[in-house]
Amino acid sequence: MTRTEIVPTETGDARITWYPAKRPKLVLAASHGAGGGIEARDLQALAATLPAHGVSVALVEQPWRVAGKKLAPAPKTLDKGWRGIWPALEKPGLPVIAAGRSAGARVACRTAGELGAAAVLALSFPLHPPGKPEKSRADELLGAGVPTLVVQGGNDPFGRPAEFPEGGAYELTEVPYGDHGFAVPKRADITQDEALAVITDAVTKWTGSLV
């Protein structure tokens, strides 16, 4: 049974949709990217899968999205909104994994240390703007300071798996053929459902190792 919670922050009201586990050991709090909401296929797949494995999922809609705006604000404003949401995520009294896709993954990495996140899940981390590998954001990922799992599409124009720095303190799972939204072309060797299973299997295994 899902439930929705409105959380006031300095940047406006945020919204959390909870997918509770019966006997939760962890909370995975996941936010959306700059161009979409919590309806993203990867976020919905995790919300449908993880509660059966002892992980309550909190899908977080940032204040700008709740207010109906189409464009995300500056990174500092995103971080401020995420900080305001955090106490509500900690309320169950469980370790909280900071998660997000794309811009939300950057927020999770930038704030993990100060907020005391148990770990970071970075979905479709935007390592660089498309076509501009010189504008790397690897320092944000490497600076998370907690156990980190990156799940990246094999054809993500914001950074393919091979472009990520070697030797970093993070794990990386590749979703074959996946783009920035983990969509796979019809001609690919795997179906869309199989691509999503790569994500949910990897995250289930990883969260299990954190307990």
N, C-alpha and C. Protein backbone atom coordinates (compact mmCIF):
# COMPACT_ATOMS: atom_id res chain seq x y z
N MET A 1 0.85 -1.20 0.00
CA MET A 1 0.00 0.00 0.00
C MET A 1 0.88 1.24 0.00
N THR A 2 0.81 2.01 -1.06
CA THR A 2 1.62 3.22 -1.13
C THR A 2 0.93 4.35 -0.36
N ARG A 3 1.73 5.31 0.06
CA ARG A 3 1.17 6.52 0.67
C ARG A 3 2.00 7.72 0.23
N THR A 4 1.35 8.85 0.17
CA THR A 4 2.00 10.07 -0.30
C THR A 4 2.11 11.08 0.83
N GLU A 5 3.23 11.76 0.88
CA GLU A 5 3.50 12.73 1.95
C GLU A 5 4.01 14.03 1.33
N ILE A 6 3.45 15.14 1.75
CA ILE A 6 3.94 16.46 1.32
C ILE A 6 4.92 16.97 2.37
N VAL A 7 6.08 17.40 1.92
CA VAL A 7 7.13 17.86 2.83
C VAL A 7 7.52 19.29 2.49
N PRO A 8 7.26 20.25 3.39
CA PRO A 8 7.67 21.64 3.13
C PRO A 8 9.20 21.77 3.17
N THR A 9 9.77 22.51 2.23
CA THR A 9 11.20 22.81 2.24
C THR A 9 11.39 24.29 1.96
N GLU A 10 12.62 24.76 2.06
CA GLU A 10 12.91 26.17 1.80
C GLU A 10 12.60 26.56 0.36
N THR A 11 12.59 25.58 -0.53
CA THR A 11 12.37 25.88 -1.95
C THR A 11 10.95 25.50 -2.41
N GLY A 12 10.08 25.19 -1.45
CA GLY A 12 8.70 24.82 -1.79
C GLY A 12 8.36 23.43 -1.29
N ASP A 13 7.14 23.02 -1.53
CA ASP A 13 6.69 21.70 -1.08
C ASP A 13 7.23 20.60 -1.99
N ALA A 14 7.80 19.58 -1.36
CA ALA A 14 8.19 18.37 -2.07
C ALA A 14 7.14 17.29 -1.81
N ARG A 15 7.21 16.21 -2.57
CA ARG A 15 6.26 15.12 -2.38
C ARG A 15 7.00 13.79 -2.37
N ILE A 16 6.70 12.97 -1.38
CA ILE A 16 7.30 11.64 -1.28
C ILE A 16 6.20 10.61 -1.45
N THR A 17 6.41 9.67 -2.34
CA THR A 17 5.51 8.52 -2.47
C THR A 17 6.23 7.31 -1.90
N TRP A 18 5.67 6.75 -0.84
CA TRP A 18 6.31 5.64 -0.11
C TRP A 18 5.79 4.30 -0.62
N TYR A 19 6.74 3.38 -0.83
CA TYR A 19 6.44 1.99 -1.16
C TYR A 19 7.08 1.15 -0.05
N PRO A 20 6.35 0.92 1.05
CA PRO A 20 6.97 0.33 2.24
C PRO A 20 7.17 -1.18 2.14
N ALA A 21 8.29 -1.64 2.70
CA ALA A 21 8.54 -3.07 2.88
C ALA A 21 7.87 -3.52 4.18
N LYS A 22 7.52 -4.79 4.27
CA LYS A 22 6.88 -5.30 5.50
C LYS A 22 7.85 -5.29 6.67
N ARG A 23 9.08 -5.73 6.42
CA ARG A 23 10.10 -5.72 7.46
C ARG A 23 11.33 -5.00 6.92
N PRO A 24 11.26 -3.67 6.84
CA PRO A 24 12.33 -2.92 6.18
C PRO A 24 13.63 -2.89 6.97
N LYS A 25 14.72 -2.99 6.22
CA LYS A 25 16.06 -2.85 6.79
C LYS A 25 16.72 -1.55 6.32
N LEU A 26 16.25 -1.06 5.18
CA LEU A 26 16.81 0.14 4.57
C LEU A 26 15.68 0.96 3.94
N VAL A 27 15.97 2.24 3.73
CA VAL A 27 15.12 3.09 2.90
C VAL A 27 15.94 3.52 1.69
N LEU A 28 15.40 3.33 0.50
CA LEU A 28 16.04 3.86 -0.70
C LEU A 28 15.21 5.04 -1.16
N ALA A 29 15.79 6.23 -1.07
CA ALA A 29 15.11 7.47 -1.44
C ALA A 29 15.63 7.92 -2.80
N ALA A 30 14.75 7.92 -3.79
CA ALA A 30 15.18 8.19 -5.16
C ALA A 30 14.44 9.37 -5.75
N SER A 31 15.22 10.28 -6.33
CA SER A 31 14.65 11.45 -6.98
C SER A 31 14.82 11.35 -8.50
N HIS A 32 14.05 12.14 -9.20
CA HIS A 32 14.00 12.13 -10.66
C HIS A 32 15.08 13.02 -11.26
N GLY A 33 15.09 13.08 -12.59
CA GLY A 33 16.04 13.93 -13.29
C GLY A 33 15.49 15.31 -13.56
N ALA A 34 16.20 16.06 -14.43
CA ALA A 34 15.83 17.45 -14.71
C ALA A 34 14.71 17.56 -15.74
N GLY A 35 14.42 16.46 -16.43
CA GLY A 35 13.43 16.55 -17.49
C GLY A 35 12.24 15.62 -17.32
N GLY A 36 12.13 14.97 -16.18
CA GLY A 36 11.03 14.02 -15.98
C GLY A 36 10.73 13.85 -14.51
N GLY A 37 9.79 12.96 -14.23
CA GLY A 37 9.38 12.76 -12.85
C GLY A 37 9.59 11.34 -12.38
N ILE A 38 8.87 10.97 -11.33
CA ILE A 38 9.05 9.65 -10.73
C ILE A 38 8.38 8.55 -11.56
N GLU A 39 7.77 8.92 -12.68
CA GLU A 39 7.21 7.90 -13.57
C GLU A 39 8.29 7.22 -14.41
N ALA A 40 9.53 7.65 -14.30
CA ALA A 40 10.63 7.06 -15.06
C ALA A 40 10.66 5.54 -14.86
N ARG A 41 10.94 4.82 -15.94
CA ARG A 41 10.82 3.35 -15.92
C ARG A 41 11.72 2.70 -14.88
N ASP A 42 12.90 3.24 -14.67
CA ASP A 42 13.81 2.62 -13.69
C ASP A 42 13.34 2.85 -12.26
N LEU A 43 12.84 4.05 -11.98
CA LEU A 43 12.35 4.34 -10.63
C LEU A 43 11.13 3.48 -10.32
N GLN A 44 10.23 3.33 -11.28
CA GLN A 44 9.04 2.53 -11.05
C GLN A 44 9.39 1.05 -10.88
N ALA A 45 10.36 0.58 -11.64
CA ALA A 45 10.77 -0.82 -11.51
C ALA A 45 11.37 -1.10 -10.14
N LEU A 46 12.16 -0.16 -9.63
CA LEU A 46 12.75 -0.35 -8.29
C LEU A 46 11.66 -0.30 -7.22
N ALA A 47 10.71 0.60 -7.37
CA ALA A 47 9.63 0.70 -6.39
C ALA A 47 8.78 -0.57 -6.36
N ALA A 48 8.66 -1.23 -7.50
CA ALA A 48 7.87 -2.45 -7.59
C ALA A 48 8.63 -3.67 -7.07
N THR A 49 9.95 -3.60 -7.06
CA THR A 49 10.77 -4.78 -6.76
C THR A 49 11.36 -4.79 -5.35
N LEU A 50 11.92 -3.68 -4.92
CA LEU A 50 12.73 -3.68 -3.70
C LEU A 50 11.98 -3.96 -2.40
N PRO A 51 10.72 -3.50 -2.22
CA PRO A 51 10.05 -3.76 -0.95
C PRO A 51 9.99 -5.24 -0.57
N ALA A 52 9.91 -6.12 -1.56
CA ALA A 52 9.88 -7.56 -1.27
C ALA A 52 11.22 -8.06 -0.74
N HIS A 53 12.25 -7.23 -0.85
CA HIS A 53 13.59 -7.60 -0.40
C HIS A 53 14.02 -6.79 0.82
N GLY A 54 13.05 -6.25 1.55
CA GLY A 54 13.35 -5.56 2.79
C GLY A 54 13.82 -4.12 2.65
N VAL A 55 13.56 -3.53 1.49
CA VAL A 55 13.95 -2.14 1.25
C VAL A 55 12.70 -1.31 0.95
N SER A 56 12.37 -0.38 1.84
CA SER A 56 11.28 0.56 1.56
C SER A 56 11.78 1.60 0.55
N VAL A 57 10.96 1.90 -0.42
CA VAL A 57 11.34 2.85 -1.46
C VAL A 57 10.53 4.14 -1.28
N ALA A 58 11.24 5.26 -1.32
CA ALA A 58 10.60 6.58 -1.26
C ALA A 58 10.94 7.31 -2.56
N LEU A 59 9.95 7.47 -3.42
CA LEU A 59 10.17 8.22 -4.65
C LEU A 59 9.88 9.69 -4.38
N VAL A 60 10.89 10.52 -4.61
CA VAL A 60 10.85 11.92 -4.19
C VAL A 60 10.67 12.84 -5.39
N GLU A 61 9.65 13.69 -5.32
CA GLU A 61 9.44 14.72 -6.34
C GLU A 61 9.92 16.05 -5.77
N GLN A 62 10.92 16.61 -6.43
CA GLN A 62 11.49 17.88 -5.98
C GLN A 62 10.45 19.00 -6.08
N PRO A 63 10.61 20.06 -5.24
CA PRO A 63 9.62 21.14 -5.22
C PRO A 63 9.32 21.76 -6.59
N TRP A 64 10.31 21.89 -7.43
CA TRP A 64 10.05 22.51 -8.74
C TRP A 64 9.08 21.66 -9.57
N ARG A 65 9.19 20.36 -9.39
CA ARG A 65 8.31 19.45 -10.13
C ARG A 65 6.90 19.48 -9.55
N VAL A 66 6.80 19.51 -8.22
CA VAL A 66 5.49 19.57 -7.56
C VAL A 66 4.77 20.86 -7.95
N ALA A 67 5.54 21.94 -8.12
CA ALA A 67 4.96 23.23 -8.47
C ALA A 67 4.54 23.31 -9.94
N GLY A 68 4.82 22.26 -10.71
CA GLY A 68 4.40 22.24 -12.10
C GLY A 68 5.33 22.91 -13.07
N LYS A 69 6.55 23.23 -12.61
CA LYS A 69 7.51 23.86 -13.52
C LYS A 69 8.14 22.81 -14.42
N LYS A 70 8.54 23.23 -15.62
CA LYS A 70 9.06 22.28 -16.61
C LYS A 70 10.58 22.20 -16.62
N LEU A 71 11.22 23.21 -16.05
CA LEU A 71 12.68 23.23 -16.04
C LEU A 71 13.20 23.20 -14.62
N ALA A 72 14.20 22.38 -14.38
CA ALA A 72 14.80 22.28 -13.06
C ALA A 72 15.60 23.53 -12.74
N PRO A 73 15.66 23.92 -11.47
CA PRO A 73 16.46 25.09 -11.07
C PRO A 73 17.95 24.74 -11.01
N ALA A 74 18.74 25.68 -10.53
CA ALA A 74 20.19 25.50 -10.43
C ALA A 74 20.53 24.39 -9.44
N PRO A 75 21.71 23.76 -9.60
CA PRO A 75 22.12 22.68 -8.69
C PRO A 75 22.03 23.05 -7.21
N LYS A 76 22.41 24.27 -6.84
CA LYS A 76 22.35 24.66 -5.42
C LYS A 76 20.92 24.61 -4.89
N THR A 77 19.95 24.99 -5.73
CA THR A 77 18.56 24.96 -5.33
C THR A 77 18.06 23.53 -5.20
N LEU A 78 18.49 22.67 -6.12
CA LEU A 78 18.14 21.25 -6.04
C LEU A 78 18.68 20.64 -4.74
N ASP A 79 19.92 20.97 -4.40
CA ASP A 79 20.52 20.45 -3.18
C ASP A 79 19.77 20.93 -1.94
N LYS A 80 19.37 22.19 -1.97
CA LYS A 80 18.64 22.76 -0.82
C LYS A 80 17.30 22.04 -0.63
N GLY A 81 16.61 21.77 -1.73
CA GLY A 81 15.35 21.04 -1.64
C GLY A 81 15.55 19.63 -1.09
N TRP A 82 16.61 18.96 -1.53
CA TRP A 82 16.91 17.59 -1.08
C TRP A 82 17.24 17.58 0.42
N ARG A 83 17.98 18.57 0.87
CA ARG A 83 18.28 18.67 2.31
C ARG A 83 17.00 18.82 3.12
N GLY A 84 16.05 19.59 2.60
CA GLY A 84 14.80 19.81 3.31
C GLY A 84 13.94 18.55 3.40
N ILE A 85 14.08 17.67 2.44
CA ILE A 85 13.32 16.43 2.39
C ILE A 85 13.92 15.38 3.33
N TRP A 86 15.21 15.45 3.56
CA TRP A 86 15.95 14.38 4.24
C TRP A 86 15.38 13.97 5.61
N PRO A 87 14.99 14.92 6.49
CA PRO A 87 14.45 14.49 7.80
C PRO A 87 13.25 13.56 7.67
N ALA A 88 12.40 13.78 6.68
CA ALA A 88 11.24 12.90 6.48
C ALA A 88 11.68 11.51 6.05
N LEU A 89 12.80 11.44 5.32
CA LEU A 89 13.31 10.14 4.87
C LEU A 89 13.94 9.36 6.01
N GLU A 90 14.49 10.09 6.98
CA GLU A 90 15.13 9.45 8.13
C GLU A 90 14.13 9.05 9.21
N LYS A 91 12.89 9.54 9.12
CA LYS A 91 11.91 9.33 10.18
C LYS A 91 11.66 7.85 10.53
N PRO A 92 11.69 6.93 9.55
CA PRO A 92 11.50 5.52 9.92
C PRO A 92 12.62 4.95 10.81
N GLY A 93 13.72 5.70 10.95
CA GLY A 93 14.80 5.24 11.82
C GLY A 93 15.70 4.19 11.19
N LEU A 94 15.75 4.16 9.88
CA LEU A 94 16.56 3.18 9.15
C LEU A 94 17.65 3.89 8.35
N PRO A 95 18.74 3.16 8.01
CA PRO A 95 19.74 3.75 7.12
C PRO A 95 19.09 4.15 5.80
N VAL A 96 19.47 5.32 5.27
CA VAL A 96 18.88 5.82 4.04
C VAL A 96 19.92 5.82 2.91
N ILE A 97 19.56 5.17 1.81
CA ILE A 97 20.38 5.23 0.60
C ILE A 97 19.89 6.42 -0.21
N ALA A 98 20.77 7.35 -0.51
CA ALA A 98 20.43 8.48 -1.37
C ALA A 98 20.55 8.03 -2.82
N ALA A 99 19.46 8.15 -3.55
CA ALA A 99 19.44 7.69 -4.93
C ALA A 99 18.82 8.73 -5.83
N GLY A 100 19.11 8.61 -7.11
CA GLY A 100 18.50 9.52 -8.06
C GLY A 100 18.91 9.14 -9.46
N ARG A 101 18.15 9.64 -10.41
CA ARG A 101 18.53 9.43 -11.80
C ARG A 101 18.96 10.76 -12.41
N SER A 102 20.02 10.73 -13.20
CA SER A 102 20.53 11.89 -13.91
C SER A 102 20.84 13.04 -12.94
N ALA A 103 20.14 14.18 -13.06
CA ALA A 103 20.40 15.30 -12.15
C ALA A 103 20.18 14.90 -10.70
N GLY A 104 19.22 14.02 -10.46
CA GLY A 104 18.98 13.54 -9.10
C GLY A 104 20.14 12.73 -8.55
N ALA A 105 20.85 12.03 -9.44
CA ALA A 105 22.05 11.28 -9.02
C ALA A 105 23.16 12.24 -8.60
N ARG A 106 23.27 13.36 -9.31
CA ARG A 106 24.28 14.36 -8.95
C ARG A 106 23.97 14.95 -7.57
N VAL A 107 22.71 15.23 -7.31
CA VAL A 107 22.31 15.76 -6.00
C VAL A 107 22.67 14.76 -4.90
N ALA A 108 22.35 13.49 -5.13
CA ALA A 108 22.64 12.45 -4.14
C ALA A 108 24.13 12.38 -3.83
N CYS A 109 24.96 12.45 -4.87
CA CYS A 109 26.41 12.40 -4.68
C CYS A 109 26.93 13.62 -3.94
N ARG A 110 26.43 14.80 -4.31
CA ARG A 110 26.95 16.04 -3.72
C ARG A 110 26.62 16.16 -2.24
N THR A 111 25.49 15.58 -1.81
CA THR A 111 25.02 15.81 -0.44
C THR A 111 25.16 14.59 0.47
N ALA A 112 25.63 13.47 -0.05
CA ALA A 112 25.65 12.22 0.72
C ALA A 112 26.41 12.34 2.03
N GLY A 113 27.59 12.95 1.98
CA GLY A 113 28.42 13.04 3.17
C GLY A 113 27.79 13.89 4.27
N GLU A 114 27.33 15.06 3.89
CA GLU A 114 26.78 15.98 4.91
C GLU A 114 25.49 15.47 5.51
N LEU A 115 24.70 14.72 4.74
CA LEU A 115 23.41 14.25 5.23
C LEU A 115 23.50 12.91 5.95
N GLY A 116 24.65 12.25 5.84
CA GLY A 116 24.81 10.97 6.50
C GLY A 116 24.16 9.82 5.77
N ALA A 117 24.10 9.89 4.45
CA ALA A 117 23.55 8.80 3.65
C ALA A 117 24.38 7.53 3.86
N ALA A 118 23.68 6.39 3.91
CA ALA A 118 24.39 5.12 4.08
C ALA A 118 25.11 4.71 2.81
N ALA A 119 24.59 5.14 1.66
CA ALA A 119 25.15 4.78 0.36
C ALA A 119 24.50 5.65 -0.69
N VAL A 120 25.00 5.56 -1.92
CA VAL A 120 24.43 6.32 -3.04
C VAL A 120 24.17 5.36 -4.21
N LEU A 121 22.98 5.49 -4.79
CA LEU A 121 22.65 4.80 -6.04
C LEU A 121 22.51 5.86 -7.11
N ALA A 122 23.38 5.81 -8.11
CA ALA A 122 23.38 6.79 -9.19
C ALA A 122 22.89 6.13 -10.47
N LEU A 123 21.69 6.46 -10.87
CA LEU A 123 21.09 5.92 -12.08
C LEU A 123 21.31 6.90 -13.22
N SER A 124 21.90 6.42 -14.32
CA SER A 124 22.17 7.30 -15.47
C SER A 124 22.92 8.56 -15.04
N PHE A 125 24.04 8.37 -14.33
CA PHE A 125 24.80 9.53 -13.88
C PHE A 125 25.28 10.32 -15.10
N PRO A 126 24.97 11.63 -15.16
CA PRO A 126 25.38 12.44 -16.32
C PRO A 126 26.84 12.87 -16.20
N LEU A 127 27.72 11.98 -16.61
CA LEU A 127 29.16 12.21 -16.45
C LEU A 127 29.62 13.47 -17.16
N HIS A 128 28.96 13.79 -18.27
CA HIS A 128 29.27 15.02 -19.02
C HIS A 128 28.08 15.35 -19.90
N PRO A 129 27.95 16.60 -20.35
CA PRO A 129 26.90 16.91 -21.32
C PRO A 129 27.15 16.14 -22.62
N PRO A 130 26.10 15.77 -23.35
CA PRO A 130 26.31 15.03 -24.60
C PRO A 130 27.27 15.74 -25.55
N GLY A 131 28.25 14.98 -26.03
CA GLY A 131 29.22 15.53 -26.98
C GLY A 131 30.29 16.41 -26.36
N LYS A 132 30.31 16.52 -25.03
CA LYS A 132 31.30 17.38 -24.37
C LYS A 132 32.00 16.62 -23.25
N PRO A 133 32.76 15.57 -23.60
CA PRO A 133 33.41 14.76 -22.56
C PRO A 133 34.42 15.54 -21.73
N GLU A 134 34.88 16.68 -22.26
CA GLU A 134 35.85 17.49 -21.51
C GLU A 134 35.22 18.15 -20.28
N LYS A 135 33.89 18.27 -20.28
CA LYS A 135 33.19 18.88 -19.14
C LYS A 135 32.74 17.79 -18.17
N SER A 136 33.72 17.12 -17.58
CA SER A 136 33.44 15.96 -16.74
C SER A 136 32.91 16.36 -15.36
N ARG A 137 31.99 15.54 -14.86
CA ARG A 137 31.46 15.72 -13.51
C ARG A 137 31.91 14.56 -12.61
N ALA A 138 33.00 13.93 -13.00
CA ALA A 138 33.48 12.76 -12.24
C ALA A 138 33.79 13.11 -10.80
N ASP A 139 34.18 14.37 -10.55
CA ASP A 139 34.54 14.75 -9.17
C ASP A 139 33.33 14.64 -8.24
N GLU A 140 32.13 14.90 -8.75
CA GLU A 140 30.93 14.75 -7.92
C GLU A 140 30.73 13.29 -7.54
N LEU A 141 30.87 12.42 -8.52
CA LEU A 141 30.69 10.99 -8.27
C LEU A 141 31.75 10.46 -7.31
N LEU A 142 32.99 10.81 -7.55
CA LEU A 142 34.09 10.31 -6.74
C LEU A 142 34.10 10.92 -5.34
N GLY A 143 33.40 12.05 -5.19
CA GLY A 143 33.38 12.72 -3.90
C GLY A 143 32.25 12.30 -2.98
N ALA A 144 31.44 11.32 -3.39
CA ALA A 144 30.29 10.92 -2.58
C ALA A 144 30.72 10.46 -1.20
N GLY A 145 31.82 9.71 -1.11
CA GLY A 145 32.37 9.33 0.19
C GLY A 145 31.66 8.18 0.89
N VAL A 146 30.73 7.52 0.20
CA VAL A 146 30.00 6.38 0.77
C VAL A 146 29.93 5.30 -0.32
N PRO A 147 29.58 4.06 0.04
CA PRO A 147 29.43 3.03 -0.99
C PRO A 147 28.49 3.50 -2.09
N THR A 148 28.92 3.35 -3.33
CA THR A 148 28.17 3.91 -4.45
C THR A 148 28.02 2.88 -5.57
N LEU A 149 26.81 2.76 -6.08
CA LEU A 149 26.54 1.94 -7.26
C LEU A 149 26.06 2.84 -8.38
N VAL A 150 26.74 2.75 -9.52
CA VAL A 150 26.31 3.45 -10.73
C VAL A 150 25.66 2.43 -11.66
N VAL A 151 24.47 2.75 -12.16
CA VAL A 151 23.83 1.92 -13.17
C VAL A 151 23.71 2.78 -14.43
N GLN A 152 24.37 2.35 -15.49
CA GLN A 152 24.53 3.21 -16.66
C GLN A 152 24.18 2.46 -17.95
N GLY A 153 23.44 3.13 -18.82
CA GLY A 153 23.12 2.55 -20.11
C GLY A 153 24.35 2.46 -21.00
N GLY A 154 24.46 1.38 -21.74
CA GLY A 154 25.62 1.19 -22.61
C GLY A 154 25.73 2.23 -23.70
N ASN A 155 24.61 2.86 -24.08
CA ASN A 155 24.62 3.90 -25.12
C ASN A 155 24.19 5.25 -24.57
N ASP A 156 24.47 5.52 -23.32
CA ASP A 156 24.07 6.79 -22.71
C ASP A 156 24.95 7.92 -23.25
N PRO A 157 24.36 8.90 -23.95
CA PRO A 157 25.18 9.99 -24.49
C PRO A 157 25.76 10.91 -23.42
N PHE A 158 25.26 10.81 -22.19
CA PHE A 158 25.80 11.60 -21.08
C PHE A 158 27.00 10.90 -20.42
N GLY A 159 27.42 9.80 -20.98
CA GLY A 159 28.57 9.07 -20.44
C GLY A 159 28.36 7.57 -20.56
N ARG A 160 29.10 6.94 -21.46
CA ARG A 160 29.03 5.49 -21.57
C ARG A 160 29.90 4.86 -20.49
N PRO A 161 29.60 3.62 -20.12
CA PRO A 161 30.35 2.99 -19.02
C PRO A 161 31.87 3.05 -19.17
N ALA A 162 32.37 2.88 -20.38
CA ALA A 162 33.82 2.89 -20.59
C ALA A 162 34.46 4.25 -20.31
N GLU A 163 33.64 5.31 -20.28
CA GLU A 163 34.17 6.66 -20.05
C GLU A 163 34.37 6.96 -18.56
N PHE A 164 33.82 6.13 -17.70
CA PHE A 164 33.92 6.41 -16.26
C PHE A 164 35.34 6.14 -15.77
N PRO A 165 35.82 6.95 -14.81
CA PRO A 165 37.20 6.79 -14.33
C PRO A 165 37.42 5.43 -13.68
N GLU A 166 38.59 4.87 -13.95
CA GLU A 166 38.94 3.58 -13.35
C GLU A 166 39.45 3.78 -11.93
N GLY A 167 39.28 2.76 -11.12
CA GLY A 167 39.84 2.81 -9.77
C GLY A 167 39.05 3.64 -8.78
N GLY A 168 37.88 4.11 -9.20
CA GLY A 168 37.06 4.90 -8.28
C GLY A 168 36.41 4.01 -7.24
N ALA A 169 36.04 4.60 -6.14
CA ALA A 169 35.42 3.85 -5.04
C ALA A 169 33.93 3.68 -5.31
N TYR A 170 33.60 3.01 -6.40
CA TYR A 170 32.21 2.78 -6.75
C TYR A 170 32.12 1.52 -7.60
N GLU A 171 30.93 0.94 -7.63
CA GLU A 171 30.66 -0.18 -8.52
C GLU A 171 29.86 0.33 -9.71
N LEU A 172 29.97 -0.35 -10.85
CA LEU A 172 29.24 0.08 -12.04
C LEU A 172 28.59 -1.11 -12.72
N THR A 173 27.30 -0.99 -12.97
CA THR A 173 26.55 -2.00 -13.72
C THR A 173 26.11 -1.39 -15.04
N GLU A 174 26.38 -2.09 -16.12
CA GLU A 174 25.99 -1.61 -17.45
C GLU A 174 24.68 -2.25 -17.87
N VAL A 175 23.79 -1.44 -18.41
CA VAL A 175 22.56 -1.92 -19.01
C VAL A 175 22.78 -1.94 -20.52
N PRO A 176 22.98 -3.12 -21.11
CA PRO A 176 23.32 -3.19 -22.53
C PRO A 176 22.33 -2.44 -23.41
N TYR A 177 22.87 -1.67 -24.33
CA TYR A 177 22.10 -0.92 -25.33
C TYR A 177 21.28 0.23 -24.75
N GLY A 178 21.23 0.39 -23.44
CA GLY A 178 20.36 1.39 -22.84
C GLY A 178 20.80 2.82 -23.13
N ASP A 179 19.81 3.70 -23.34
CA ASP A 179 20.13 5.12 -23.49
C ASP A 179 20.03 5.80 -22.12
N HIS A 180 19.89 7.12 -22.08
CA HIS A 180 19.88 7.84 -20.80
C HIS A 180 18.66 7.48 -19.96
N GLY A 181 17.58 7.06 -20.62
CA GLY A 181 16.38 6.63 -19.90
C GLY A 181 16.26 5.12 -19.80
N PHE A 182 17.36 4.41 -20.13
CA PHE A 182 17.42 2.94 -20.14
C PHE A 182 16.48 2.32 -21.17
N ALA A 183 16.06 3.09 -22.15
CA ALA A 183 15.31 2.51 -23.27
C ALA A 183 16.28 1.75 -24.16
N VAL A 184 15.85 0.60 -24.64
CA VAL A 184 16.69 -0.18 -25.56
C VAL A 184 15.98 -0.28 -26.91
N PRO A 185 16.72 -0.23 -28.02
CA PRO A 185 16.09 -0.31 -29.33
C PRO A 185 15.49 -1.69 -29.58
N LYS A 186 14.48 -1.74 -30.43
CA LYS A 186 13.80 -3.01 -30.71
C LYS A 186 14.74 -4.05 -31.32
N ARG A 187 15.77 -3.59 -32.01
CA ARG A 187 16.71 -4.52 -32.64
C ARG A 187 17.76 -5.06 -31.67
N ALA A 188 17.73 -4.60 -30.42
CA ALA A 188 18.74 -5.02 -29.43
C ALA A 188 18.57 -6.51 -29.08
N ASP A 189 19.64 -7.06 -28.52
CA ASP A 189 19.64 -8.48 -28.14
C ASP A 189 18.83 -8.74 -26.87
N ILE A 190 18.44 -7.68 -26.18
CA ILE A 190 17.63 -7.85 -24.98
C ILE A 190 16.35 -7.03 -25.11
N THR A 191 15.30 -7.48 -24.43
CA THR A 191 14.04 -6.74 -24.45
C THR A 191 14.07 -5.63 -23.40
N GLN A 192 13.06 -4.77 -23.46
CA GLN A 192 12.98 -3.70 -22.47
C GLN A 192 12.81 -4.27 -21.06
N ASP A 193 12.00 -5.30 -20.93
CA ASP A 193 11.81 -5.92 -19.62
C ASP A 193 13.12 -6.53 -19.09
N GLU A 194 13.89 -7.13 -19.97
CA GLU A 194 15.17 -7.70 -19.56
C GLU A 194 16.16 -6.62 -19.14
N ALA A 195 16.09 -5.47 -19.83
CA ALA A 195 16.96 -4.35 -19.45
C ALA A 195 16.62 -3.85 -18.05
N LEU A 196 15.33 -3.76 -17.77
CA LEU A 196 14.91 -3.33 -16.43
C LEU A 196 15.31 -4.36 -15.38
N ALA A 197 15.28 -5.64 -15.75
CA ALA A 197 15.68 -6.69 -14.81
C ALA A 197 17.16 -6.59 -14.47
N VAL A 198 17.98 -6.13 -15.43
CA VAL A 198 19.40 -5.91 -15.14
C VAL A 198 19.54 -4.89 -14.00
N ILE A 199 18.71 -3.83 -14.08
CA ILE A 199 18.75 -2.78 -13.06
C ILE A 199 18.28 -3.31 -11.71
N THR A 200 17.10 -3.92 -11.69
CA THR A 200 16.53 -4.35 -10.41
C THR A 200 17.36 -5.46 -9.78
N ASP A 201 17.91 -6.36 -10.59
CA ASP A 201 18.74 -7.44 -10.04
C ASP A 201 20.01 -6.87 -9.41
N ALA A 202 20.64 -5.93 -10.11
CA ALA A 202 21.88 -5.34 -9.60
C ALA A 202 21.64 -4.57 -8.31
N VAL A 203 20.56 -3.79 -8.27
CA VAL A 203 20.28 -2.97 -7.09
C VAL A 203 19.85 -3.85 -5.91
N THR A 204 19.07 -4.90 -6.19
CA THR A 204 18.66 -5.82 -5.13
C THR A 204 19.88 -6.50 -4.49
N LYS A 205 20.79 -6.96 -5.33
CA LYS A 205 21.99 -7.62 -4.83
C LYS A 205 22.85 -6.63 -4.02
N TRP A 206 22.98 -5.42 -4.53
CA TRP A 206 23.82 -4.40 -3.88
C TRP A 206 23.24 -3.96 -2.55
N THR A 207 21.93 -3.71 -2.51
CA THR A 207 21.33 -3.30 -1.23
C THR A 207 21.43 -4.43 -0.21
N GLY A 208 21.33 -5.66 -0.67
CA GLY A 208 21.48 -6.80 0.23
C GLY A 208 22.85 -6.85 0.86
N SER A 209 23.85 -6.37 0.13
CA SER A 209 25.23 -6.39 0.66
C SER A 209 25.48 -5.28 1.66
N LEU A 210 24.56 -4.31 1.73
CA LEU A 210 24.75 -3.16 2.63
C LEU A 210 24.22 -3.42 4.04
N VAL A 211 23.35 -4.40 4.16
CA VAL A 211 22.69 -4.66 5.44
C VAL A 211 23.64 -5.38 6.40
